[in-house]
Amino acid sequence: MTNPKTFSFTRVERLSILKNCLGVDNVSGLKILDYGGNHGNILKDGLENNEIVQSDYTCLDVDKLVLDAAKEEYPDANWVFYN
């Protein structure tokens, strides 16, 4: 049973949204702050496209359990809990 205090949203491709907002074709070499990034959709997309290095990615979110799980999967990324 899922913990009712833990939120995990359906994963949708978000890297293209970020690129569109920045007006770039590629985010390689950029430091990414994913405010409210949950379990790291932008990171996952960036890794699939070889555009984001884990250590260049920081996720700030209010769901500590999701952040802890994401940190296990992507230990070189930065996962910050903000209450």
PDB file of N, CA and C in Angstrom:
ATOM      1  N   MET A   1       0.845  -1.188   0.000  1.00  0.00           N
ATOM      2  CA  MET A   1       0.000   0.000   0.000  1.00  0.00           C
ATOM      3  C   MET A   1       0.886   1.245   0.000  1.00  0.00           C
ATOM      4  N   THR A   2       0.523   2.229  -0.766  1.00  0.00           N
ATOM      5  CA  THR A   2       1.280   3.469  -0.868  1.00  0.00           C
ATOM      6  C   THR A   2       1.010   4.344   0.347  1.00  0.00           C
ATOM      7  N   ASN A   3       2.056   4.960   0.845  1.00  0.00           N
ATOM      8  CA  ASN A   3       1.926   5.892   1.947  1.00  0.00           C
ATOM      9  C   ASN A   3       1.103   7.089   1.462  1.00  0.00           C
ATOM     10  N   PRO A   4      -0.014   7.410   2.110  1.00  0.00           N
ATOM     11  CA  PRO A   4      -0.869   8.502   1.637  1.00  0.00           C
ATOM     12  C   PRO A   4      -0.186   9.866   1.685  1.00  0.00           C
ATOM     13  N   LYS A   5       0.921  10.000   2.415  1.00  0.00           N
ATOM     14  CA  LYS A   5       1.631  11.271   2.494  1.00  0.00           C
ATOM     15  C   LYS A   5       2.704  11.390   1.416  1.00  0.00           C
ATOM     16  N   THR A   6       2.885  10.348   0.622  1.00  0.00           N
ATOM     17  CA  THR A   6       3.888  10.364  -0.434  1.00  0.00           C
ATOM     18  C   THR A   6       3.204  10.545  -1.775  1.00  0.00           C
ATOM     19  N   PHE A   7       3.700  11.492  -2.550  1.00  0.00           N
ATOM     20  CA  PHE A   7       3.116  11.761  -3.849  1.00  0.00           C
ATOM     21  C   PHE A   7       4.083  11.346  -4.940  1.00  0.00           C
ATOM     22  N   SER A   8       3.608  10.608  -5.887  1.00  0.00           N
ATOM     23  CA  SER A   8       4.408  10.244  -7.043  1.00  0.00           C
ATOM     24  C   SER A   8       3.536  10.452  -8.265  1.00  0.00           C
ATOM     25  N   PHE A   9       3.881  11.450  -9.040  1.00  0.00           N
ATOM     26  CA  PHE A   9       3.072  11.799 -10.190  1.00  0.00           C
ATOM     27  C   PHE A   9       3.492  11.000 -11.409  1.00  0.00           C
ATOM     28  N   THR A  10       2.582  10.811 -12.323  1.00  0.00           N
ATOM     29  CA  THR A  10       2.883  10.114 -13.563  1.00  0.00           C
ATOM     30  C   THR A  10       4.021  10.827 -14.269  1.00  0.00           C
ATOM     31  N   ARG A  11       4.987  10.059 -14.731  1.00  0.00           N
ATOM     32  CA  ARG A  11       6.149  10.633 -15.393  1.00  0.00           C
ATOM     33  C   ARG A  11       5.783  11.067 -16.802  1.00  0.00           C
ATOM     34  N   VAL A  12       6.009  12.326 -17.076  1.00  0.00           N
ATOM     35  CA  VAL A  12       5.836  12.856 -18.423  1.00  0.00           C
ATOM     36  C   VAL A  12       7.154  13.499 -18.829  1.00  0.00           C
ATOM     37  N   GLU A  13       7.429  13.530 -20.119  1.00  0.00           N
ATOM     38  CA  GLU A  13       8.662  14.098 -20.631  1.00  0.00           C
ATOM     39  C   GLU A  13       8.673  15.594 -20.359  1.00  0.00           C
ATOM     40  N   ARG A  14       9.703  16.059 -19.660  1.00  0.00           N
ATOM     41  CA  ARG A  14       9.752  17.466 -19.289  1.00  0.00           C
ATOM     42  C   ARG A  14      10.977  18.194 -19.813  1.00  0.00           C
ATOM     43  N   LEU A  15      11.949  17.459 -20.317  1.00  0.00           N
ATOM     44  CA  LEU A  15      13.165  18.104 -20.790  1.00  0.00           C
ATOM     45  C   LEU A  15      12.867  19.055 -21.947  1.00  0.00           C
ATOM     46  N   SER A  16      11.975  18.672 -22.826  1.00  0.00           N
ATOM     47  CA  SER A  16      11.643  19.546 -23.957  1.00  0.00           C
ATOM     48  C   SER A  16      10.986  20.835 -23.468  1.00  0.00           C
ATOM     49  N   ILE A  17      10.225  20.767 -22.391  1.00  0.00           N
ATOM     50  CA  ILE A  17       9.606  21.965 -21.823  1.00  0.00           C
ATOM     51  C   ILE A  17      10.691  22.902 -21.295  1.00  0.00           C
ATOM     52  N   LEU A  18      11.678  22.332 -20.594  1.00  0.00           N
ATOM     53  CA  LEU A  18      12.779  23.127 -20.079  1.00  0.00           C
ATOM     54  C   LEU A  18      13.554  23.795 -21.224  1.00  0.00           C
ATOM     55  N   LYS A  19      13.862  23.020 -22.247  1.00  0.00           N
ATOM     56  CA  LYS A  19      14.597  23.579 -23.393  1.00  0.00           C
ATOM     57  C   LYS A  19      13.815  24.706 -24.061  1.00  0.00           C
ATOM     58  N   ASN A  20      12.521  24.502 -24.188  1.00  0.00           N
ATOM     59  CA  ASN A  20      11.669  25.521 -24.802  1.00  0.00           C
ATOM     60  C   ASN A  20      11.667  26.801 -23.958  1.00  0.00           C
ATOM     61  N   CYS A  21      11.563  26.664 -22.651  1.00  0.00           N
ATOM     62  CA  CYS A  21      11.573  27.829 -21.765  1.00  0.00           C
ATOM     63  C   CYS A  21      12.899  28.577 -21.839  1.00  0.00           C
ATOM     64  N   LEU A  22      14.000  27.822 -21.968  1.00  0.00           N
ATOM     65  CA  LEU A  22      15.319  28.441 -22.029  1.00  0.00           C
ATOM     66  C   LEU A  22      15.692  28.914 -23.434  1.00  0.00           C
ATOM     67  N   GLY A  23      14.963  28.433 -24.433  1.00  0.00           N
ATOM     68  CA  GLY A  23      15.270  28.780 -25.811  1.00  0.00           C
ATOM     69  C   GLY A  23      16.552  28.133 -26.316  1.00  0.00           C
ATOM     70  N   VAL A  24      16.797  26.895 -25.876  1.00  0.00           N
ATOM     71  CA  VAL A  24      18.007  26.176 -26.281  1.00  0.00           C
ATOM     72  C   VAL A  24      17.620  24.818 -26.874  1.00  0.00           C
ATOM     73  N   ASP A  25      18.549  24.243 -27.628  1.00  0.00           N
ATOM     74  CA  ASP A  25      18.337  22.918 -28.196  1.00  0.00           C
ATOM     75  C   ASP A  25      18.942  21.820 -27.339  1.00  0.00           C
ATOM     76  N   ASN A  26      19.832  22.201 -26.419  1.00  0.00           N
ATOM     77  CA  ASN A  26      20.557  21.226 -25.626  1.00  0.00           C
ATOM     78  C   ASN A  26      20.892  21.868 -24.286  1.00  0.00           C
ATOM     79  N   VAL A  27      20.787  21.102 -23.206  1.00  0.00           N
ATOM     80  CA  VAL A  27      21.092  21.635 -21.874  1.00  0.00           C
ATOM     81  C   VAL A  27      22.415  21.097 -21.334  1.00  0.00           C
ATOM     82  N   SER A  28      23.195  20.442 -22.179  1.00  0.00           N
ATOM     83  CA  SER A  28      24.494  19.919 -21.749  1.00  0.00           C
ATOM     84  C   SER A  28      25.346  21.022 -21.147  1.00  0.00           C
ATOM     85  N   GLY A  29      25.953  20.720 -20.018  1.00  0.00           N
ATOM     86  CA  GLY A  29      26.839  21.665 -19.359  1.00  0.00           C
ATOM     87  C   GLY A  29      26.153  22.665 -18.446  1.00  0.00           C
ATOM     88  N   LEU A  30      24.824  22.691 -18.446  1.00  0.00           N
ATOM     89  CA  LEU A  30      24.099  23.605 -17.567  1.00  0.00           C
ATOM     90  C   LEU A  30      23.883  22.956 -16.199  1.00  0.00           C
ATOM     91  N   LYS A  31      23.869  23.781 -15.169  1.00  0.00           N
ATOM     92  CA  LYS A  31      23.472  23.337 -13.839  1.00  0.00           C
ATOM     93  C   LYS A  31      21.954  23.480 -13.784  1.00  0.00           C
ATOM     94  N   ILE A  32      21.271  22.421 -13.379  1.00  0.00           N
ATOM     95  CA  ILE A  32      19.807  22.408 -13.377  1.00  0.00           C
ATOM     96  C   ILE A  32      19.295  22.406 -11.937  1.00  0.00           C
ATOM     97  N   LEU A  33      18.432  23.361 -11.601  1.00  0.00           N
ATOM     98  CA  LEU A  33      17.703  23.359 -10.336  1.00  0.00           C
ATOM     99  C   LEU A  33      16.252  23.059 -10.675  1.00  0.00           C
ATOM    100  N   ASP A  34      15.798  21.908 -10.246  1.00  0.00           N
ATOM    101  CA  ASP A  34      14.434  21.451 -10.525  1.00  0.00           C
ATOM    102  C   ASP A  34      13.603  21.686  -9.274  1.00  0.00           C
ATOM    103  N   TYR A  35      12.966  22.849  -9.214  1.00  0.00           N
ATOM    104  CA  TYR A  35      12.164  23.252  -8.057  1.00  0.00           C
ATOM    105  C   TYR A  35      10.843  22.491  -8.092  1.00  0.00           C
ATOM    106  N   GLY A  36      10.613  21.661  -7.069  1.00  0.00           N
ATOM    107  CA  GLY A  36       9.418  20.827  -7.052  1.00  0.00           C
ATOM    108  C   GLY A  36       9.563  19.655  -8.004  1.00  0.00           C
ATOM    109  N   GLY A  37      10.791  19.165  -8.146  1.00  0.00           N
ATOM    110  CA  GLY A  37      11.115  18.136  -9.145  1.00  0.00           C
ATOM    111  C   GLY A  37      10.682  16.724  -8.804  1.00  0.00           C
ATOM    112  N   ASN A  38      10.136  16.500  -7.614  1.00  0.00           N
ATOM    113  CA  ASN A  38       9.635  15.193  -7.201  1.00  0.00           C
ATOM    114  C   ASN A  38      10.706  14.135  -7.370  1.00  0.00           C
ATOM    115  N   HIS A  39      10.533  13.201  -8.253  1.00  0.00           N
ATOM    116  CA  HIS A  39      11.496  12.096  -8.394  1.00  0.00           C
ATOM    117  C   HIS A  39      12.432  12.284  -9.584  1.00  0.00           C
ATOM    118  N   GLY A  40      12.516  13.484 -10.110  1.00  0.00           N
ATOM    119  CA  GLY A  40      13.535  13.806 -11.096  1.00  0.00           C
ATOM    120  C   GLY A  40      13.223  13.527 -12.547  1.00  0.00           C
ATOM    121  N   ASN A  41      12.039  13.894 -13.016  1.00  0.00           N
ATOM    122  CA  ASN A  41      11.707  13.672 -14.430  1.00  0.00           C
ATOM    123  C   ASN A  41      12.693  14.344 -15.373  1.00  0.00           C
ATOM    124  N   ILE A  42      13.081  15.573 -15.062  1.00  0.00           N
ATOM    125  CA  ILE A  42      14.021  16.275 -15.944  1.00  0.00           C
ATOM    126  C   ILE A  42      15.359  15.540 -15.966  1.00  0.00           C
ATOM    127  N   LEU A  43      15.802  15.066 -14.821  1.00  0.00           N
ATOM    128  CA  LEU A  43      17.050  14.300 -14.766  1.00  0.00           C
ATOM    129  C   LEU A  43      16.937  13.028 -15.597  1.00  0.00           C
ATOM    130  N   LYS A  44      15.853  12.298 -15.425  1.00  0.00           N
ATOM    131  CA  LYS A  44      15.665  11.047 -16.172  1.00  0.00           C
ATOM    132  C   LYS A  44      15.680  11.300 -17.676  1.00  0.00           C
ATOM    133  N   ASP A  45      14.981  12.348 -18.105  1.00  0.00           N
ATOM    134  CA  ASP A  45      14.977  12.696 -19.534  1.00  0.00           C
ATOM    135  C   ASP A  45      16.379  13.084 -19.992  1.00  0.00           C
ATOM    136  N   GLY A  46      17.067  13.875 -19.182  1.00  0.00           N
ATOM    137  CA  GLY A  46      18.410  14.316 -19.541  1.00  0.00           C
ATOM    138  C   GLY A  46      19.408  13.178 -19.617  1.00  0.00           C
ATOM    139  N   LEU A  47      19.268  12.196 -18.742  1.00  0.00           N
ATOM    140  CA  LEU A  47      20.148  11.033 -18.793  1.00  0.00           C
ATOM    141  C   LEU A  47      19.865  10.194 -20.040  1.00  0.00           C
ATOM    142  N   GLU A  48      18.593  10.029 -20.367  1.00  0.00           N
ATOM    143  CA  GLU A  48      18.219   9.269 -21.566  1.00  0.00           C
ATOM    144  C   GLU A  48      18.764   9.921 -22.830  1.00  0.00           C
ATOM    145  N   ASN A  49      18.830  11.257 -22.850  1.00  0.00           N
ATOM    146  CA  ASN A  49      19.299  12.005 -24.017  1.00  0.00           C
ATOM    147  C   ASN A  49      20.782  12.357 -23.919  1.00  0.00           C
ATOM    148  N   ASN A  50      21.450  11.890 -22.866  1.00  0.00           N
ATOM    149  CA  ASN A  50      22.866  12.220 -22.631  1.00  0.00           C
ATOM    150  C   ASN A  50      23.116  13.724 -22.597  1.00  0.00           C
ATOM    151  N   GLU A  51      22.197  14.465 -21.975  1.00  0.00           N
ATOM    152  CA  GLU A  51      22.329  15.915 -21.895  1.00  0.00           C
ATOM    153  C   GLU A  51      22.568  16.420 -20.480  1.00  0.00           C
ATOM    154  N   ILE A  52      22.278  15.617 -19.480  1.00  0.00           N
ATOM    155  CA  ILE A  52      22.452  16.050 -18.094  1.00  0.00           C
ATOM    156  C   ILE A  52      23.340  15.043 -17.375  1.00  0.00           C
ATOM    157  N   VAL A  53      24.303  15.569 -16.654  1.00  0.00           N
ATOM    158  CA  VAL A  53      25.149  14.768 -15.780  1.00  0.00           C
ATOM    159  C   VAL A  53      24.518  14.838 -14.393  1.00  0.00           C
ATOM    160  N   GLN A  54      24.442  13.709 -13.705  1.00  0.00           N
ATOM    161  CA  GLN A  54      23.783  13.687 -12.399  1.00  0.00           C
ATOM    162  C   GLN A  54      24.272  14.789 -11.470  1.00  0.00           C
ATOM    163  N   SER A  55      25.566  15.015 -11.419  1.00  0.00           N
ATOM    164  CA  SER A  55      26.119  16.000 -10.482  1.00  0.00           C
ATOM    165  C   SER A  55      25.739  17.442 -10.846  1.00  0.00           C
ATOM    166  N   ASP A  56      25.240  17.671 -12.049  1.00  0.00           N
ATOM    167  CA  ASP A  56      24.783  19.009 -12.463  1.00  0.00           C
ATOM    168  C   ASP A  56      23.306  19.240 -12.148  1.00  0.00           C
ATOM    169  N   TYR A  57      22.668  18.255 -11.560  1.00  0.00           N
ATOM    170  CA  TYR A  57      21.221  18.312 -11.307  1.00  0.00           C
ATOM    171  C   TYR A  57      20.950  18.433  -9.814  1.00  0.00           C
ATOM    172  N   THR A  58      20.095  19.371  -9.439  1.00  0.00           N
ATOM    173  CA  THR A  58      19.639  19.520  -8.063  1.00  0.00           C
ATOM    174  C   THR A  58      18.118  19.574  -8.059  1.00  0.00           C
ATOM    175  N   CYS A  59      17.521  18.751  -7.226  1.00  0.00           N
ATOM    176  CA  CYS A  59      16.068  18.722  -7.066  1.00  0.00           C
ATOM    177  C   CYS A  59      15.713  19.222  -5.678  1.00  0.00           C
ATOM    178  N   LEU A  60      14.810  20.169  -5.609  1.00  0.00           N
ATOM    179  CA  LEU A  60      14.303  20.703  -4.352  1.00  0.00           C
ATOM    180  C   LEU A  60      12.825  20.336  -4.270  1.00  0.00           C
ATOM    181  N   ASP A  61      12.454  19.608  -3.222  1.00  0.00           N
ATOM    182  CA  ASP A  61      11.061  19.176  -3.114  1.00  0.00           C
ATOM    183  C   ASP A  61      10.663  19.030  -1.648  1.00  0.00           C
ATOM    184  N   VAL A  62       9.359  18.950  -1.403  1.00  0.00           N
ATOM    185  CA  VAL A  62       8.820  18.835  -0.048  1.00  0.00           C
ATOM    186  C   VAL A  62       8.528  17.397   0.358  1.00  0.00           C
ATOM    187  N   ASP A  63       8.689  16.454  -0.556  1.00  0.00           N
ATOM    188  CA  ASP A  63       8.380  15.045  -0.273  1.00  0.00           C
ATOM    189  C   ASP A  63       9.670  14.279   0.010  1.00  0.00           C
ATOM    190  N   LYS A  64      10.015  14.169   1.288  1.00  0.00           N
ATOM    191  CA  LYS A  64      11.272  13.552   1.692  1.00  0.00           C
ATOM    192  C   LYS A  64      11.354  12.090   1.287  1.00  0.00           C
ATOM    193  N   LEU A  65      10.262  11.361   1.371  1.00  0.00           N
ATOM    194  CA  LEU A  65      10.296   9.941   1.005  1.00  0.00           C
ATOM    195  C   LEU A  65      10.611   9.743  -0.472  1.00  0.00           C
ATOM    196  N   VAL A  66      10.025  10.559  -1.320  1.00  0.00           N
ATOM    197  CA  VAL A  66      10.311  10.469  -2.761  1.00  0.00           C
ATOM    198  C   VAL A  66      11.754  10.871  -3.031  1.00  0.00           C
ATOM    199  N   LEU A  67      12.227  11.912  -2.372  1.00  0.00           N
ATOM    200  CA  LEU A  67      13.615  12.338  -2.545  1.00  0.00           C
ATOM    201  C   LEU A  67      14.592  11.247  -2.109  1.00  0.00           C
ATOM    202  N   ASP A  68      14.293  10.598  -0.993  1.00  0.00           N
ATOM    203  CA  ASP A  68      15.156   9.513  -0.508  1.00  0.00           C
ATOM    204  C   ASP A  68      15.216   8.370  -1.516  1.00  0.00           C
ATOM    205  N   ALA A  69      14.082   8.020  -2.091  1.00  0.00           N
ATOM    206  CA  ALA A  69      14.045   6.946  -3.097  1.00  0.00           C
ATOM    207  C   ALA A  69      14.810   7.358  -4.356  1.00  0.00           C
ATOM    208  N   ALA A  70      14.649   8.599  -4.779  1.00  0.00           N
ATOM    209  CA  ALA A  70      15.347   9.086  -5.968  1.00  0.00           C
ATOM    210  C   ALA A  70      16.856   9.123  -5.728  1.00  0.00           C
ATOM    211  N   LYS A  71      17.253   9.485  -4.518  1.00  0.00           N
ATOM    212  CA  LYS A  71      18.681   9.531  -4.187  1.00  0.00           C
ATOM    213  C   LYS A  71      19.307   8.145  -4.275  1.00  0.00           C
ATOM    214  N   GLU A  72      18.553   7.126  -3.916  1.00  0.00           N
ATOM    215  CA  GLU A  72      19.062   5.755  -4.052  1.00  0.00           C
ATOM    216  C   GLU A  72      19.273   5.397  -5.515  1.00  0.00           C
ATOM    217  N   GLU A  73      18.374   5.845  -6.377  1.00  0.00           N
ATOM    218  CA  GLU A  73      18.466   5.532  -7.802  1.00  0.00           C
ATOM    219  C   GLU A  73      19.528   6.379  -8.515  1.00  0.00           C
ATOM    220  N   TYR A  74      19.659   7.635  -8.099  1.00  0.00           N
ATOM    221  CA  TYR A  74      20.596   8.568  -8.729  1.00  0.00           C
ATOM    222  C   TYR A  74      21.446   9.233  -7.641  1.00  0.00           C
ATOM    223  N   PRO A  75      22.404   8.509  -7.081  1.00  0.00           N
ATOM    224  CA  PRO A  75      23.151   9.013  -5.920  1.00  0.00           C
ATOM    225  C   PRO A  75      24.060  10.205  -6.198  1.00  0.00           C
ATOM    226  N   ASP A  76      24.441  10.433  -7.437  1.00  0.00           N
ATOM    227  CA  ASP A  76      25.341  11.540  -7.739  1.00  0.00           C
ATOM    228  C   ASP A  76      24.617  12.853  -7.985  1.00  0.00           C
ATOM    229  N   ALA A  77      23.290  12.798  -8.071  1.00  0.00           N
ATOM    230  CA  ALA A  77      22.490  14.020  -8.190  1.00  0.00           C
ATOM    231  C   ALA A  77      22.300  14.608  -6.793  1.00  0.00           C
ATOM    232  N   ASN A  78      21.824  15.809  -6.727  1.00  0.00           N
ATOM    233  CA  ASN A  78      21.621  16.506  -5.444  1.00  0.00           C
ATOM    234  C   ASN A  78      20.130  16.567  -5.138  1.00  0.00           C
ATOM    235  N   TRP A  79      19.750  16.035  -4.003  1.00  0.00           N
ATOM    236  CA  TRP A  79      18.345  15.952  -3.615  1.00  0.00           C
ATOM    237  C   TRP A  79      18.165  16.737  -2.318  1.00  0.00           C
ATOM    238  N   VAL A  80      17.402  17.818  -2.364  1.00  0.00           N
ATOM    239  CA  VAL A  80      17.263  18.718  -1.221  1.00  0.00           C
ATOM    240  C   VAL A  80      15.814  18.729  -0.748  1.00  0.00           C
ATOM    241  N   PHE A  81      15.648  18.398   0.523  1.00  0.00           N
ATOM    242  CA  PHE A  81      14.316  18.441   1.145  1.00  0.00           C
ATOM    243  C   PHE A  81      14.088  19.840   1.668  1.00  0.00           C
ATOM    244  N   TYR A  82      12.929  20.395   1.351  1.00  0.00           N
ATOM    245  CA  TYR A  82      12.548  21.705   1.846  1.00  0.00           C
ATOM    246  C   TYR A  82      11.155  21.614   2.436  1.00  0.00           C
ATOM    247  N   ASN A  83      11.046  21.901   3.735  1.00  0.00           N
ATOM    248  CA  ASN A  83       9.754  21.821   4.404  1.00  0.00           C
ATOM    249  C   ASN A  83       9.164  23.210   4.527  1.00  0.00           C
TER     250      ASN A  83
END
